[in-house]
Amino acid sequence: MAGWTDQLRTDNRDACQSIIADSKWASIVMNAVSTGDSLNHYYGVACAEKLGIDIWENLYAQLAVNPLEDSHYLQLMKSDDSNRIRKLVQFAEEHLPLRQIATGPGDEMGLGKEYAAHRSLDTILQNLDRFEGIGKELILIGLNSPVIRNRNMAIKALEGWEVASWGDQLIKAVNHLSEIEPDDSVKERIRNLREAKGL
């Protein structure tokens, strides 16, 4: 940038790092994450991510109050800790209305308040490919959802897993869905999945 010497850049970077390193930010961020105000909460979560502050347990506790808050699932699924993901998957299995979701494949887009549970499921499914063997029941529900994106995200998870970790139920569900899937693009994806996994 014009007028910015190397020394000025270094001085500014050092000043910024000194501000960021101040210990007061942890409590400010945690207060923002814990607030009921959605805007403060949003910025608190964003700052925690940038500053490397672990807010997973805080968001998990908030999810217990509102199990259909898909933005919490989105943040919680960013974890690389498989134990945390198991805990979240178990929570979803116990708190999402899975039977109401698994009504069979359809061509629904999943928009509107009535699809809040489907969106929460979707947020989990889209990251399960990183956690082989975790969330089989949720994948099964996703394969049987009327929302196209749920089925696509369930397939995405299975694309990332070795078929040996699927289990008979998922194999049967994928084979059955290949016969009844109403959406051409999903049907093609299932066909490619079955070919890739030797089914």
C-alpha atoms as a PDB file:
ATOM      1  CA  MET A   1       0.000   0.000   0.000  1.00  0.00           C
ATOM      2  CA  ALA A   2       1.207   3.515  -0.840  1.00  0.00           C
ATOM      3  CA  GLY A   3       3.037   5.174   2.047  1.00  0.00           C
ATOM      4  CA  TRP A   4       3.299   1.974   4.105  1.00  0.00           C
ATOM      5  CA  THR A   5       6.935   1.271   4.895  1.00  0.00           C
ATOM      6  CA  ASP A   6       8.084  -2.137   6.106  1.00  0.00           C
ATOM      7  CA  GLN A   7       8.576  -0.647   9.572  1.00  0.00           C
ATOM      8  CA  LEU A   8       5.050   0.816   9.624  1.00  0.00           C
ATOM      9  CA  ARG A   9       3.582  -2.524   8.588  1.00  0.00           C
ATOM     10  CA  THR A  10       5.562  -4.315  11.301  1.00  0.00           C
ATOM     11  CA  ASP A  11       4.562  -1.775  13.949  1.00  0.00           C
ATOM     12  CA  ASN A  12       0.879  -2.052  13.018  1.00  0.00           C
ATOM     13  CA  ARG A  13       0.972  -5.855  12.984  1.00  0.00           C
ATOM     14  CA  ASP A  14       2.657  -5.902  16.391  1.00  0.00           C
ATOM     15  CA  ALA A  15       0.081  -3.453  17.768  1.00  0.00           C
ATOM     16  CA  CYS A  16      -2.787  -5.597  16.459  1.00  0.00           C
ATOM     17  CA  GLN A  17      -1.278  -8.764  17.897  1.00  0.00           C
ATOM     18  CA  SER A  18      -0.851  -7.039  21.260  1.00  0.00           C
ATOM     19  CA  ILE A  19      -4.547  -6.034  21.251  1.00  0.00           C
ATOM     20  CA  ILE A  20      -5.677  -9.536  20.265  1.00  0.00           C
ATOM     21  CA  ALA A  21      -3.485 -11.127  22.945  1.00  0.00           C
ATOM     22  CA  ASP A  22      -5.194  -9.155  25.734  1.00  0.00           C
ATOM     23  CA  SER A  23      -6.776 -11.642  28.165  1.00  0.00           C
ATOM     24  CA  LYS A  24      -9.928  -9.529  28.513  1.00  0.00           C
ATOM     25  CA  TRP A  25     -11.221 -10.743  25.117  1.00  0.00           C
ATOM     26  CA  ALA A  26     -11.979 -14.245  26.371  1.00  0.00           C
ATOM     27  CA  SER A  27     -14.574 -13.016  28.874  1.00  0.00           C
ATOM     28  CA  ILE A  28     -16.018 -10.489  26.407  1.00  0.00           C
ATOM     29  CA  VAL A  29     -16.398 -13.199  23.767  1.00  0.00           C
ATOM     30  CA  MET A  30     -17.907 -15.671  26.229  1.00  0.00           C
ATOM     31  CA  ASN A  31     -20.420 -13.041  27.382  1.00  0.00           C
ATOM     32  CA  ALA A  32     -21.381 -12.343  23.773  1.00  0.00           C
ATOM     33  CA  VAL A  33     -21.773 -16.075  23.042  1.00  0.00           C
ATOM     34  CA  SER A  34     -23.981 -16.471  26.111  1.00  0.00           C
ATOM     35  CA  THR A  35     -26.202 -13.478  25.385  1.00  0.00           C
ATOM     36  CA  GLY A  36     -29.775 -13.826  24.210  1.00  0.00           C
ATOM     37  CA  ASP A  37     -29.167 -11.104  21.640  1.00  0.00           C
ATOM     38  CA  SER A  38     -28.741 -12.749  18.237  1.00  0.00           C
ATOM     39  CA  LEU A  39     -26.384 -10.109  16.815  1.00  0.00           C
ATOM     40  CA  ASN A  40     -24.030 -10.203  19.823  1.00  0.00           C
ATOM     41  CA  HIS A  41     -24.192 -13.991  19.788  1.00  0.00           C
ATOM     42  CA  TYR A  42     -23.255 -14.062  16.092  1.00  0.00           C
ATOM     43  CA  TYR A  43     -20.242 -11.785  16.621  1.00  0.00           C
ATOM     44  CA  GLY A  44     -19.249 -13.682  19.756  1.00  0.00           C
ATOM     45  CA  VAL A  45     -19.182 -16.973  17.857  1.00  0.00           C
ATOM     46  CA  ALA A  46     -17.237 -15.394  14.974  1.00  0.00           C
ATOM     47  CA  CYS A  47     -14.666 -13.858  17.341  1.00  0.00           C
ATOM     48  CA  ALA A  48     -14.294 -17.094  19.301  1.00  0.00           C
ATOM     49  CA  GLU A  49     -13.463 -18.881  16.073  1.00  0.00           C
ATOM     50  CA  LYS A  50     -10.874 -16.253  15.090  1.00  0.00           C
ATOM     51  CA  LEU A  51      -9.303 -16.146  18.553  1.00  0.00           C
ATOM     52  CA  GLY A  52      -9.296 -19.921  19.061  1.00  0.00           C
ATOM     53  CA  ILE A  53     -11.610 -19.788  22.091  1.00  0.00           C
ATOM     54  CA  ASP A  54     -13.371 -23.093  22.689  1.00  0.00           C
ATOM     55  CA  ILE A  55     -17.119 -22.442  22.964  1.00  0.00           C
ATOM     56  CA  TRP A  56     -18.315 -25.940  22.021  1.00  0.00           C
ATOM     57  CA  GLU A  57     -19.790 -26.815  25.424  1.00  0.00           C
ATOM     58  CA  ASN A  58     -21.500 -23.416  25.664  1.00  0.00           C
ATOM     59  CA  LEU A  59     -23.207 -23.885  22.301  1.00  0.00           C
ATOM     60  CA  TYR A  60     -24.118 -27.459  23.175  1.00  0.00           C
ATOM     61  CA  ALA A  61     -25.828 -26.235  26.364  1.00  0.00           C
ATOM     62  CA  GLN A  62     -27.719 -23.635  24.324  1.00  0.00           C
ATOM     63  CA  LEU A  63     -28.800 -26.303  21.867  1.00  0.00           C
ATOM     64  CA  ALA A  64     -30.405 -28.221  24.733  1.00  0.00           C
ATOM     65  CA  VAL A  65     -32.744 -25.247  25.166  1.00  0.00           C
ATOM     66  CA  ASN A  66     -33.587 -25.101  21.454  1.00  0.00           C
ATOM     67  CA  PRO A  67     -32.865 -28.433  19.694  1.00  0.00           C
ATOM     68  CA  LEU A  68     -33.929 -27.038  16.289  1.00  0.00           C
ATOM     69  CA  GLU A  69     -31.338 -24.244  16.189  1.00  0.00           C
ATOM     70  CA  ASP A  70     -29.493 -25.276  13.036  1.00  0.00           C
ATOM     71  CA  SER A  71     -26.850 -22.534  13.399  1.00  0.00           C
ATOM     72  CA  HIS A  72     -25.670 -24.245  16.608  1.00  0.00           C
ATOM     73  CA  TYR A  73     -25.391 -27.587  14.806  1.00  0.00           C
ATOM     74  CA  LEU A  74     -23.337 -25.842  12.128  1.00  0.00           C
ATOM     75  CA  GLN A  75     -20.821 -24.519  14.663  1.00  0.00           C
ATOM     76  CA  LEU A  76     -20.747 -27.698  16.755  1.00  0.00           C
ATOM     77  CA  MET A  77     -20.081 -29.882  13.703  1.00  0.00           C
ATOM     78  CA  LYS A  78     -16.889 -27.900  12.969  1.00  0.00           C
ATOM     79  CA  SER A  79     -15.178 -29.839  15.758  1.00  0.00           C
ATOM     80  CA  ASP A  80     -12.568 -32.447  14.866  1.00  0.00           C
ATOM     81  CA  ASP A  81     -13.158 -34.271  18.171  1.00  0.00           C
ATOM     82  CA  SER A  82     -15.005 -37.518  17.388  1.00  0.00           C
ATOM     83  CA  ASN A  83     -16.222 -37.788  21.008  1.00  0.00           C
ATOM     84  CA  ARG A  84     -17.903 -34.414  20.721  1.00  0.00           C
ATOM     85  CA  ILE A  85     -19.459 -35.403  17.400  1.00  0.00           C
ATOM     86  CA  ARG A  86     -20.781 -38.631  18.959  1.00  0.00           C
ATOM     87  CA  LYS A  87     -22.291 -36.584  21.778  1.00  0.00           C
ATOM     88  CA  LEU A  88     -23.955 -34.220  19.284  1.00  0.00           C
ATOM     89  CA  VAL A  89     -25.234 -37.080  17.119  1.00  0.00           C
ATOM     90  CA  GLN A  90     -26.714 -38.768  20.176  1.00  0.00           C
ATOM     91  CA  PHE A  91     -28.382 -35.488  21.144  1.00  0.00           C
ATOM     92  CA  ALA A  92     -29.879 -35.173  17.660  1.00  0.00           C
ATOM     93  CA  GLU A  93     -31.108 -38.775  17.741  1.00  0.00           C
ATOM     94  CA  GLU A  94     -32.864 -38.069  21.041  1.00  0.00           C
ATOM     95  CA  HIS A  95     -34.226 -34.580  20.302  1.00  0.00           C
ATOM     96  CA  LEU A  96     -35.004 -34.280  16.594  1.00  0.00           C
ATOM     97  CA  PRO A  97     -38.389 -35.664  15.452  1.00  0.00           C
ATOM     98  CA  LEU A  98     -36.765 -38.339  13.299  1.00  0.00           C
ATOM     99  CA  ARG A  99     -39.951 -40.299  12.577  1.00  0.00           C
ATOM    100  CA  GLN A 100     -41.566 -37.145  11.244  1.00  0.00           C
ATOM    101  CA  ILE A 101     -38.582 -36.585   8.966  1.00  0.00           C
ATOM    102  CA  ALA A 102     -38.330 -40.125   7.550  1.00  0.00           C
ATOM    103  CA  THR A 103     -41.601 -40.100   5.600  1.00  0.00           C
ATOM    104  CA  GLY A 104     -40.033 -41.326   2.370  1.00  0.00           C
ATOM    105  CA  PRO A 105     -38.231 -39.674  -0.538  1.00  0.00           C
ATOM    106  CA  GLY A 106     -39.945 -36.757  -2.237  1.00  0.00           C
ATOM    107  CA  ASP A 107     -39.107 -33.594  -4.098  1.00  0.00           C
ATOM    108  CA  GLU A 108     -39.361 -31.109  -1.223  1.00  0.00           C
ATOM    109  CA  MET A 109     -36.910 -28.200  -1.073  1.00  0.00           C
ATOM    110  CA  GLY A 110     -37.140 -27.979   2.723  1.00  0.00           C
ATOM    111  CA  LEU A 111     -37.984 -24.288   2.987  1.00  0.00           C
ATOM    112  CA  GLY A 112     -40.124 -22.758   5.721  1.00  0.00           C
ATOM    113  CA  LYS A 113     -40.566 -23.231   9.455  1.00  0.00           C
ATOM    114  CA  GLU A 114     -42.120 -26.663   9.058  1.00  0.00           C
ATOM    115  CA  TYR A 115     -38.746 -27.955   7.815  1.00  0.00           C
ATOM    116  CA  ALA A 116     -36.645 -26.695  10.758  1.00  0.00           C
ATOM    117  CA  ALA A 117     -35.869 -30.269  11.875  1.00  0.00           C
ATOM    118  CA  HIS A 118     -34.884 -31.249   8.332  1.00  0.00           C
ATOM    119  CA  ARG A 119     -32.449 -28.316   8.182  1.00  0.00           C
ATOM    120  CA  SER A 120     -30.907 -29.298  11.520  1.00  0.00           C
ATOM    121  CA  LEU A 121     -30.473 -32.858  10.264  1.00  0.00           C
ATOM    122  CA  ASP A 122     -28.964 -31.541   7.052  1.00  0.00           C
ATOM    123  CA  THR A 123     -26.366 -29.521   8.946  1.00  0.00           C
ATOM    124  CA  ILE A 124     -25.173 -32.650  10.743  1.00  0.00           C
ATOM    125  CA  LEU A 125     -25.249 -34.914   7.687  1.00  0.00           C
ATOM    126  CA  GLN A 126     -23.119 -32.608   5.549  1.00  0.00           C
ATOM    127  CA  ASN A 127     -20.153 -33.144   7.887  1.00  0.00           C
ATOM    128  CA  LEU A 128     -20.487 -36.826   8.794  1.00  0.00           C
ATOM    129  CA  ASP A 129     -18.253 -37.911   5.916  1.00  0.00           C
ATOM    130  CA  ARG A 130     -15.340 -36.887   8.203  1.00  0.00           C
ATOM    131  CA  PHE A 131     -16.464 -39.241  10.988  1.00  0.00           C
ATOM    132  CA  GLU A 132     -16.699 -42.741   9.609  1.00  0.00           C
ATOM    133  CA  GLY A 133     -19.137 -44.945  11.478  1.00  0.00           C
ATOM    134  CA  ILE A 134     -20.727 -42.122  13.496  1.00  0.00           C
ATOM    135  CA  GLY A 135     -24.346 -41.191  12.832  1.00  0.00           C
ATOM    136  CA  LYS A 136     -25.655 -44.228  10.965  1.00  0.00           C
ATOM    137  CA  GLU A 137     -29.205 -43.691  12.210  1.00  0.00           C
ATOM    138  CA  LEU A 138     -29.191 -40.060  11.098  1.00  0.00           C
ATOM    139  CA  ILE A 139     -27.910 -41.066   7.655  1.00  0.00           C
ATOM    140  CA  LEU A 140     -30.683 -43.638   7.427  1.00  0.00           C
ATOM    141  CA  ILE A 141     -33.232 -40.950   8.309  1.00  0.00           C
ATOM    142  CA  GLY A 142     -31.685 -38.628   5.723  1.00  0.00           C
ATOM    143  CA  LEU A 143     -31.998 -41.263   3.007  1.00  0.00           C
ATOM    144  CA  ASN A 144     -35.708 -41.524   3.830  1.00  0.00           C
ATOM    145  CA  SER A 145     -36.422 -37.800   3.981  1.00  0.00           C
ATOM    146  CA  PRO A 146     -38.739 -36.058   1.511  1.00  0.00           C
ATOM    147  CA  VAL A 147     -36.219 -33.180   1.350  1.00  0.00           C
ATOM    148  CA  ILE A 148     -33.817 -33.600  -1.563  1.00  0.00           C
ATOM    149  CA  ARG A 149     -30.889 -31.956   0.238  1.00  0.00           C
ATOM    150  CA  ASN A 150     -31.226 -34.374   3.180  1.00  0.00           C
ATOM    151  CA  ARG A 151     -30.830 -37.309   0.815  1.00  0.00           C
ATOM    152  CA  ASN A 152     -27.895 -35.654  -0.960  1.00  0.00           C
ATOM    153  CA  MET A 153     -26.116 -34.980   2.331  1.00  0.00           C
ATOM    154  CA  ALA A 154     -26.750 -38.552   3.534  1.00  0.00           C
ATOM    155  CA  ILE A 155     -25.180 -39.788   0.293  1.00  0.00           C
ATOM    156  CA  LYS A 156     -22.258 -37.364   0.777  1.00  0.00           C
ATOM    157  CA  ALA A 157     -21.603 -38.927   4.191  1.00  0.00           C
ATOM    158  CA  LEU A 158     -21.593 -42.431   2.725  1.00  0.00           C
ATOM    159  CA  GLU A 159     -19.303 -41.353  -0.109  1.00  0.00           C
ATOM    160  CA  GLY A 160     -16.681 -40.605   2.547  1.00  0.00           C
ATOM    161  CA  TRP A 161     -17.042 -43.960   4.336  1.00  0.00           C
ATOM    162  CA  GLU A 162     -15.762 -47.393   3.456  1.00  0.00           C
ATOM    163  CA  VAL A 163     -18.712 -49.657   2.712  1.00  0.00           C
ATOM    164  CA  ALA A 164     -17.520 -52.069   5.418  1.00  0.00           C
ATOM    165  CA  SER A 165     -18.524 -49.490   8.043  1.00  0.00           C
ATOM    166  CA  TRP A 166     -22.046 -48.967   6.677  1.00  0.00           C
ATOM    167  CA  GLY A 167     -23.796 -52.009   8.116  1.00  0.00           C
ATOM    168  CA  ASP A 168     -26.602 -54.022   6.506  1.00  0.00           C
ATOM    169  CA  GLN A 169     -29.325 -51.469   7.222  1.00  0.00           C
ATOM    170  CA  LEU A 170     -27.627 -48.688   5.296  1.00  0.00           C
ATOM    171  CA  ILE A 171     -26.719 -50.990   2.408  1.00  0.00           C
ATOM    172  CA  LYS A 172     -30.353 -52.093   2.120  1.00  0.00           C
ATOM    173  CA  ALA A 173     -31.554 -48.485   2.370  1.00  0.00           C
ATOM    174  CA  VAL A 174     -29.228 -47.308  -0.409  1.00  0.00           C
ATOM    175  CA  ASN A 175     -30.213 -50.212  -2.663  1.00  0.00           C
ATOM    176  CA  HIS A 176     -33.910 -49.585  -1.987  1.00  0.00           C
ATOM    177  CA  LEU A 177     -33.573 -45.842  -2.577  1.00  0.00           C
ATOM    178  CA  SER A 178     -31.930 -46.524  -5.930  1.00  0.00           C
ATOM    179  CA  GLU A 179     -35.219 -48.127  -6.992  1.00  0.00           C
ATOM    180  CA  ILE A 180     -37.647 -45.511  -5.648  1.00  0.00           C
ATOM    181  CA  GLU A 181     -35.716 -42.209  -5.757  1.00  0.00           C
ATOM    182  CA  PRO A 182     -37.913 -39.617  -7.531  1.00  0.00           C
ATOM    183  CA  ASP A 183     -35.230 -37.031  -8.291  1.00  0.00           C
ATOM    184  CA  ASP A 184     -33.053 -37.760 -11.337  1.00  0.00           C
ATOM    185  CA  SER A 185     -29.914 -36.041 -10.024  1.00  0.00           C
ATOM    186  CA  VAL A 186     -30.116 -37.875  -6.682  1.00  0.00           C
ATOM    187  CA  LYS A 187     -30.810 -41.136  -8.511  1.00  0.00           C
ATOM    188  CA  GLU A 188     -27.655 -40.602 -10.568  1.00  0.00           C
ATOM    189  CA  ARG A 189     -25.653 -39.873  -7.429  1.00  0.00           C
ATOM    190  CA  ILE A 190     -26.915 -43.080  -5.812  1.00  0.00           C
ATOM    191  CA  ARG A 191     -25.976 -45.050  -8.914  1.00  0.00           C
ATOM    192  CA  ASN A 192     -22.459 -43.585  -8.804  1.00  0.00           C
ATOM    193  CA  LEU A 193     -22.215 -44.318  -5.081  1.00  0.00           C
ATOM    194  CA  ARG A 194     -23.230 -47.955  -5.556  1.00  0.00           C
ATOM    195  CA  GLU A 195     -20.737 -48.384  -8.386  1.00  0.00           C
ATOM    196  CA  ALA A 196     -17.941 -46.784  -6.372  1.00  0.00           C
ATOM    197  CA  LYS A 197     -18.655 -48.987  -3.354  1.00  0.00           C
ATOM    198  CA  GLY A 198     -19.216 -52.187  -5.336  1.00  0.00           C
ATOM    199  CA  LEU A 199     -22.885 -52.602  -4.451  1.00  0.00           C
END
